[in-house]
Amino acid sequence: MAVTSPTKVQFDDCVGEPKNKHKAQPPTQRYDRKEIQKRLDVENWMDEQLRDLFGCKDESSDDLPELDIDDVLMIEESQRVSKLKEYLKDAKKPVDAFIRQLVEKAHDIKPVLSSDY
């Protein structure tokens, strides 16, 4: 119901306004900033390590595999090491230390599709 005065109109309640304001926010505003930064740090570390393992000087190299933290998180924990070794088999340098560190870092990252979001 609208309340009118000579100079302005005020509405008692907004019909189109969502009841749950959390859902009305863009997805990036729902995530914890620390979690976003943690994911970004791991992604940057992964890119740097992959370039080193595959001997790539720049990001546009065709030899560099596309792998991100979400790919790693989608792999069953018990199979991560073996799947990553298989995926990185063409690396020019040993991958065992990288895989071990990546699996450790993956434990601290929440999947994007978590029910928390």
N, C-alpha and C. Protein backbone atom coordinates (compact mmCIF):
# COMPACT_ATOMS: atom_id res chain seq x y z
N MET A 1 0.84 -1.17 0.00
CA MET A 1 0.00 0.00 0.00
C MET A 1 0.89 1.24 0.00
N ALA A 2 0.57 2.18 -0.80
CA ALA A 2 1.38 3.38 -0.94
C ALA A 2 0.86 4.48 -0.04
N VAL A 3 1.79 5.18 0.56
CA VAL A 3 1.46 6.35 1.36
C VAL A 3 1.91 7.55 0.54
N THR A 4 1.00 8.46 0.28
CA THR A 4 1.37 9.60 -0.55
C THR A 4 1.39 10.87 0.27
N SER A 5 2.27 11.72 -0.11
CA SER A 5 2.32 13.07 0.45
C SER A 5 2.46 14.01 -0.74
N PRO A 6 2.34 15.28 -0.56
CA PRO A 6 2.42 16.18 -1.70
C PRO A 6 3.73 16.08 -2.48
N THR A 7 4.84 15.66 -1.85
CA THR A 7 6.12 15.68 -2.55
C THR A 7 6.72 14.32 -2.83
N LYS A 8 6.27 13.25 -2.18
CA LYS A 8 6.88 11.94 -2.41
C LYS A 8 5.90 10.80 -2.17
N VAL A 9 6.27 9.65 -2.69
CA VAL A 9 5.47 8.44 -2.52
C VAL A 9 6.34 7.43 -1.79
N GLN A 10 5.81 6.76 -0.77
CA GLN A 10 6.52 5.73 -0.04
C GLN A 10 5.69 4.46 -0.05
N PHE A 11 6.37 3.33 -0.23
CA PHE A 11 5.69 2.05 -0.23
C PHE A 11 5.97 1.34 1.09
N ASP A 12 4.93 0.69 1.62
CA ASP A 12 5.07 -0.02 2.89
C ASP A 12 6.01 -1.22 2.75
N ASP A 13 5.83 -1.97 1.70
CA ASP A 13 6.69 -3.13 1.46
C ASP A 13 6.93 -3.27 -0.02
N CYS A 14 8.09 -3.81 -0.35
CA CYS A 14 8.44 -3.99 -1.76
C CYS A 14 8.05 -5.39 -2.17
N VAL A 15 7.17 -5.49 -3.13
CA VAL A 15 6.68 -6.80 -3.60
C VAL A 15 7.79 -7.58 -4.29
N GLY A 16 8.61 -6.93 -5.09
CA GLY A 16 9.63 -7.61 -5.86
C GLY A 16 10.91 -7.90 -5.12
N GLU A 17 11.05 -7.45 -3.89
CA GLU A 17 12.29 -7.65 -3.15
C GLU A 17 12.38 -9.08 -2.64
N PRO A 18 13.52 -9.76 -2.87
CA PRO A 18 13.65 -11.14 -2.42
C PRO A 18 13.67 -11.22 -0.89
N LYS A 19 13.08 -12.27 -0.36
CA LYS A 19 13.02 -12.44 1.09
C LYS A 19 14.38 -12.84 1.65
N ASN A 20 15.13 -13.67 0.90
CA ASN A 20 16.45 -14.10 1.35
C ASN A 20 17.50 -13.29 0.60
N LYS A 21 18.03 -12.29 1.24
CA LYS A 21 18.98 -11.40 0.57
C LYS A 21 20.28 -12.11 0.21
N HIS A 22 20.63 -13.18 0.92
CA HIS A 22 21.85 -13.93 0.62
C HIS A 22 21.80 -14.49 -0.80
N LYS A 23 20.65 -14.98 -1.21
CA LYS A 23 20.52 -15.56 -2.55
C LYS A 23 20.49 -14.49 -3.63
N ALA A 24 20.17 -13.26 -3.28
CA ALA A 24 20.11 -12.19 -4.26
C ALA A 24 21.49 -11.66 -4.61
N GLN A 25 22.49 -11.94 -3.79
CA GLN A 25 23.83 -11.46 -4.04
C GLN A 25 24.47 -12.23 -5.18
N PRO A 26 25.34 -11.58 -5.93
CA PRO A 26 26.10 -12.32 -6.94
C PRO A 26 26.93 -13.42 -6.26
N PRO A 27 27.20 -14.51 -6.95
CA PRO A 27 27.91 -15.64 -6.33
C PRO A 27 29.24 -15.25 -5.70
N THR A 28 29.98 -14.32 -6.29
CA THR A 28 31.28 -13.97 -5.74
C THR A 28 31.17 -13.31 -4.38
N GLN A 29 30.03 -12.72 -4.06
CA GLN A 29 29.87 -12.08 -2.76
C GLN A 29 29.51 -13.10 -1.68
N ARG A 30 29.13 -14.29 -2.06
CA ARG A 30 28.76 -15.31 -1.08
C ARG A 30 29.98 -16.03 -0.51
N TYR A 31 31.09 -16.01 -1.22
CA TYR A 31 32.28 -16.72 -0.78
C TYR A 31 33.06 -15.91 0.23
N ASP A 32 33.71 -16.60 1.11
CA ASP A 32 34.59 -15.98 2.08
C ASP A 32 35.83 -15.48 1.35
N ARG A 33 36.23 -14.26 1.60
CA ARG A 33 37.39 -13.68 0.91
C ARG A 33 38.66 -14.49 1.17
N LYS A 34 38.81 -15.02 2.38
CA LYS A 34 40.00 -15.83 2.67
C LYS A 34 40.01 -17.10 1.83
N GLU A 35 38.85 -17.69 1.63
CA GLU A 35 38.75 -18.90 0.82
C GLU A 35 39.08 -18.60 -0.64
N ILE A 36 38.60 -17.47 -1.12
CA ILE A 36 38.89 -17.07 -2.50
C ILE A 36 40.39 -16.85 -2.67
N GLN A 37 41.01 -16.16 -1.72
CA GLN A 37 42.44 -15.90 -1.80
C GLN A 37 43.24 -17.20 -1.73
N LYS A 38 42.80 -18.12 -0.87
CA LYS A 38 43.48 -19.41 -0.75
C LYS A 38 43.44 -20.16 -2.08
N ARG A 39 42.26 -20.18 -2.70
CA ARG A 39 42.12 -20.85 -4.00
C ARG A 39 43.00 -20.19 -5.06
N LEU A 40 43.01 -18.87 -5.07
CA LEU A 40 43.81 -18.13 -6.04
C LEU A 40 45.30 -18.41 -5.85
N ASP A 41 45.74 -18.43 -4.60
CA ASP A 41 47.15 -18.73 -4.30
C ASP A 41 47.53 -20.13 -4.79
N VAL A 42 46.66 -21.11 -4.54
CA VAL A 42 46.94 -22.48 -4.99
C VAL A 42 46.95 -22.55 -6.52
N GLU A 43 46.00 -21.88 -7.16
CA GLU A 43 45.95 -21.87 -8.64
C GLU A 43 47.23 -21.27 -9.21
N ASN A 44 47.67 -20.15 -8.65
CA ASN A 44 48.91 -19.51 -9.14
C ASN A 44 50.11 -20.41 -8.91
N TRP A 45 50.18 -21.04 -7.74
CA TRP A 45 51.26 -21.97 -7.45
C TRP A 45 51.26 -23.13 -8.44
N MET A 46 50.07 -23.68 -8.71
CA MET A 46 49.95 -24.79 -9.66
C MET A 46 50.45 -24.38 -11.05
N ASP A 47 50.03 -23.21 -11.51
CA ASP A 47 50.46 -22.74 -12.83
C ASP A 47 51.97 -22.61 -12.92
N GLU A 48 52.55 -22.04 -11.88
CA GLU A 48 54.01 -21.87 -11.85
C GLU A 48 54.72 -23.22 -11.87
N GLN A 49 54.24 -24.14 -11.03
CA GLN A 49 54.85 -25.47 -10.95
C GLN A 49 54.70 -26.24 -12.26
N LEU A 50 53.53 -26.16 -12.87
CA LEU A 50 53.30 -26.88 -14.14
C LEU A 50 54.20 -26.33 -15.24
N ARG A 51 54.37 -25.02 -15.29
CA ARG A 51 55.27 -24.44 -16.30
C ARG A 51 56.68 -24.96 -16.10
N ASP A 52 57.10 -25.05 -14.83
CA ASP A 52 58.44 -25.56 -14.53
C ASP A 52 58.55 -27.05 -14.88
N LEU A 53 57.57 -27.85 -14.49
CA LEU A 53 57.61 -29.29 -14.76
C LEU A 53 57.62 -29.62 -16.25
N PHE A 54 56.94 -28.81 -17.04
CA PHE A 54 56.84 -29.07 -18.47
C PHE A 54 57.81 -28.22 -19.29
N GLY A 55 58.63 -27.43 -18.62
CA GLY A 55 59.64 -26.63 -19.31
C GLY A 55 59.04 -25.55 -20.20
N CYS A 56 57.94 -24.96 -19.78
CA CYS A 56 57.27 -23.92 -20.57
C CYS A 56 57.68 -22.55 -20.05
N LYS A 57 58.01 -21.67 -20.97
CA LYS A 57 58.41 -20.31 -20.58
C LYS A 57 57.20 -19.40 -20.43
N ASP A 58 56.16 -19.62 -21.22
CA ASP A 58 54.99 -18.74 -21.15
C ASP A 58 53.72 -19.57 -20.99
N GLU A 59 52.63 -18.90 -20.70
CA GLU A 59 51.36 -19.58 -20.43
C GLU A 59 50.69 -20.11 -21.69
N SER A 60 51.07 -19.61 -22.84
CA SER A 60 50.38 -19.98 -24.07
C SER A 60 50.95 -21.25 -24.72
N SER A 61 51.83 -21.93 -24.05
CA SER A 61 52.45 -23.13 -24.61
C SER A 61 51.43 -24.26 -24.76
N ASP A 62 51.51 -24.97 -25.88
CA ASP A 62 50.61 -26.09 -26.12
C ASP A 62 50.98 -27.32 -25.27
N ASP A 63 52.21 -27.36 -24.78
CA ASP A 63 52.67 -28.50 -23.98
C ASP A 63 52.16 -28.46 -22.55
N LEU A 64 51.69 -27.32 -22.11
CA LEU A 64 51.25 -27.14 -20.74
C LEU A 64 49.83 -27.69 -20.56
N PRO A 65 49.65 -28.69 -19.68
CA PRO A 65 48.30 -29.23 -19.48
C PRO A 65 47.43 -28.24 -18.72
N GLU A 66 46.14 -28.27 -19.00
CA GLU A 66 45.20 -27.43 -18.26
C GLU A 66 44.72 -28.21 -17.04
N LEU A 67 45.08 -27.72 -15.89
CA LEU A 67 44.71 -28.36 -14.64
C LEU A 67 44.46 -27.26 -13.62
N ASP A 68 43.30 -27.30 -12.99
CA ASP A 68 43.04 -26.34 -11.93
C ASP A 68 42.60 -27.07 -10.67
N ILE A 69 42.48 -26.33 -9.59
CA ILE A 69 42.19 -26.95 -8.30
C ILE A 69 40.85 -27.68 -8.30
N ASP A 70 39.88 -27.19 -9.07
CA ASP A 70 38.59 -27.87 -9.14
C ASP A 70 38.71 -29.24 -9.80
N ASP A 71 39.59 -29.35 -10.80
CA ASP A 71 39.84 -30.66 -11.42
C ASP A 71 40.38 -31.64 -10.37
N VAL A 72 41.30 -31.15 -9.55
CA VAL A 72 41.90 -32.00 -8.52
C VAL A 72 40.86 -32.40 -7.48
N LEU A 73 40.03 -31.45 -7.07
CA LEU A 73 39.03 -31.73 -6.05
C LEU A 73 37.95 -32.70 -6.53
N MET A 74 37.74 -32.78 -7.83
CA MET A 74 36.73 -33.70 -8.38
C MET A 74 37.21 -35.14 -8.37
N ILE A 75 38.52 -35.35 -8.25
CA ILE A 75 39.07 -36.71 -8.21
C ILE A 75 38.89 -37.27 -6.81
N GLU A 76 38.43 -38.50 -6.72
CA GLU A 76 38.29 -39.19 -5.43
C GLU A 76 39.64 -39.13 -4.70
N GLU A 77 39.61 -38.79 -3.40
CA GLU A 77 40.85 -38.61 -2.64
C GLU A 77 41.78 -39.81 -2.73
N SER A 78 41.23 -40.99 -2.68
CA SER A 78 42.06 -42.20 -2.71
C SER A 78 42.73 -42.41 -4.07
N GLN A 79 42.23 -41.75 -5.10
CA GLN A 79 42.77 -41.93 -6.45
C GLN A 79 43.54 -40.71 -6.96
N ARG A 80 43.66 -39.67 -6.15
CA ARG A 80 44.28 -38.43 -6.63
C ARG A 80 45.71 -38.62 -7.10
N VAL A 81 46.52 -39.30 -6.29
CA VAL A 81 47.93 -39.45 -6.65
C VAL A 81 48.08 -40.21 -7.96
N SER A 82 47.42 -41.32 -8.10
CA SER A 82 47.56 -42.12 -9.32
C SER A 82 47.00 -41.39 -10.54
N LYS A 83 45.87 -40.72 -10.39
CA LYS A 83 45.28 -39.99 -11.53
C LYS A 83 46.17 -38.81 -11.93
N LEU A 84 46.73 -38.10 -10.95
CA LEU A 84 47.61 -36.98 -11.27
C LEU A 84 48.90 -37.45 -11.93
N LYS A 85 49.45 -38.58 -11.46
CA LYS A 85 50.65 -39.13 -12.11
C LYS A 85 50.37 -39.47 -13.57
N GLU A 86 49.21 -40.06 -13.80
CA GLU A 86 48.82 -40.41 -15.18
C GLU A 86 48.64 -39.15 -16.02
N TYR A 87 48.02 -38.14 -15.46
CA TYR A 87 47.75 -36.90 -16.19
C TYR A 87 49.03 -36.14 -16.50
N LEU A 88 50.02 -36.25 -15.61
CA LEU A 88 51.26 -35.49 -15.77
C LEU A 88 52.41 -36.35 -16.30
N LYS A 89 52.10 -37.45 -16.92
CA LYS A 89 53.13 -38.40 -17.36
C LYS A 89 54.09 -37.82 -18.40
N ASP A 90 53.69 -36.78 -19.13
CA ASP A 90 54.55 -36.20 -20.16
C ASP A 90 55.44 -35.07 -19.65
N ALA A 91 55.47 -34.86 -18.34
CA ALA A 91 56.30 -33.80 -17.76
C ALA A 91 57.77 -34.10 -18.01
N LYS A 92 58.54 -33.03 -18.17
CA LYS A 92 59.98 -33.17 -18.42
C LYS A 92 60.78 -33.34 -17.13
N LYS A 93 60.14 -33.06 -15.99
CA LYS A 93 60.80 -33.19 -14.69
C LYS A 93 59.96 -34.12 -13.82
N PRO A 94 60.54 -34.66 -12.73
CA PRO A 94 59.77 -35.53 -11.82
C PRO A 94 58.59 -34.78 -11.18
N VAL A 95 57.48 -35.46 -11.06
CA VAL A 95 56.25 -34.83 -10.59
C VAL A 95 55.85 -35.25 -9.17
N ASP A 96 56.58 -36.17 -8.56
CA ASP A 96 56.17 -36.71 -7.26
C ASP A 96 56.06 -35.64 -6.17
N ALA A 97 57.03 -34.75 -6.07
CA ALA A 97 56.99 -33.70 -5.04
C ALA A 97 55.82 -32.75 -5.30
N PHE A 98 55.60 -32.41 -6.57
CA PHE A 98 54.49 -31.53 -6.92
C PHE A 98 53.15 -32.17 -6.54
N ILE A 99 52.99 -33.43 -6.87
CA ILE A 99 51.74 -34.12 -6.56
C ILE A 99 51.51 -34.21 -5.06
N ARG A 100 52.56 -34.52 -4.31
CA ARG A 100 52.44 -34.62 -2.86
C ARG A 100 52.00 -33.27 -2.27
N GLN A 101 52.63 -32.19 -2.71
CA GLN A 101 52.27 -30.86 -2.21
C GLN A 101 50.86 -30.47 -2.65
N LEU A 102 50.50 -30.80 -3.87
CA LEU A 102 49.17 -30.46 -4.38
C LEU A 102 48.08 -31.19 -3.61
N VAL A 103 48.30 -32.45 -3.31
CA VAL A 103 47.31 -33.22 -2.54
C VAL A 103 47.16 -32.62 -1.14
N GLU A 104 48.27 -32.19 -0.54
CA GLU A 104 48.19 -31.55 0.77
C GLU A 104 47.41 -30.23 0.70
N LYS A 105 47.69 -29.43 -0.31
CA LYS A 105 47.00 -28.15 -0.46
C LYS A 105 45.51 -28.36 -0.76
N ALA A 106 45.18 -29.41 -1.47
CA ALA A 106 43.79 -29.68 -1.83
C ALA A 106 42.94 -29.98 -0.60
N HIS A 107 43.56 -30.51 0.45
CA HIS A 107 42.81 -30.80 1.69
C HIS A 107 42.26 -29.53 2.33
N ASP A 108 42.92 -28.40 2.10
CA ASP A 108 42.52 -27.14 2.72
C ASP A 108 41.55 -26.31 1.89
N ILE A 109 41.22 -26.79 0.70
CA ILE A 109 40.36 -26.03 -0.22
C ILE A 109 38.97 -26.65 -0.23
N LYS A 110 37.95 -25.79 -0.14
CA LYS A 110 36.57 -26.26 -0.23
C LYS A 110 36.15 -26.33 -1.69
N PRO A 111 35.45 -27.38 -2.08
CA PRO A 111 34.94 -27.43 -3.45
C PRO A 111 33.93 -26.30 -3.69
N VAL A 112 33.88 -25.78 -4.90
CA VAL A 112 32.95 -24.70 -5.24
C VAL A 112 31.52 -25.14 -5.09
N LEU A 113 31.22 -26.38 -5.40
CA LEU A 113 29.85 -26.88 -5.37
C LEU A 113 29.44 -27.34 -3.97
N SER A 114 30.14 -26.89 -2.97
CA SER A 114 29.82 -27.27 -1.60
C SER A 114 28.43 -26.78 -1.20
N SER A 115 27.77 -27.49 -0.30
CA SER A 115 26.45 -27.08 0.15
C SER A 115 26.51 -25.84 1.04
N ASP A 116 27.74 -25.43 1.42
CA ASP A 116 27.89 -24.22 2.24
C ASP A 116 27.54 -22.97 1.47
N TYR A 117 27.56 -23.02 0.15
CA TYR A 117 27.38 -21.82 -0.66
C TYR A 117 26.02 -21.79 -1.23
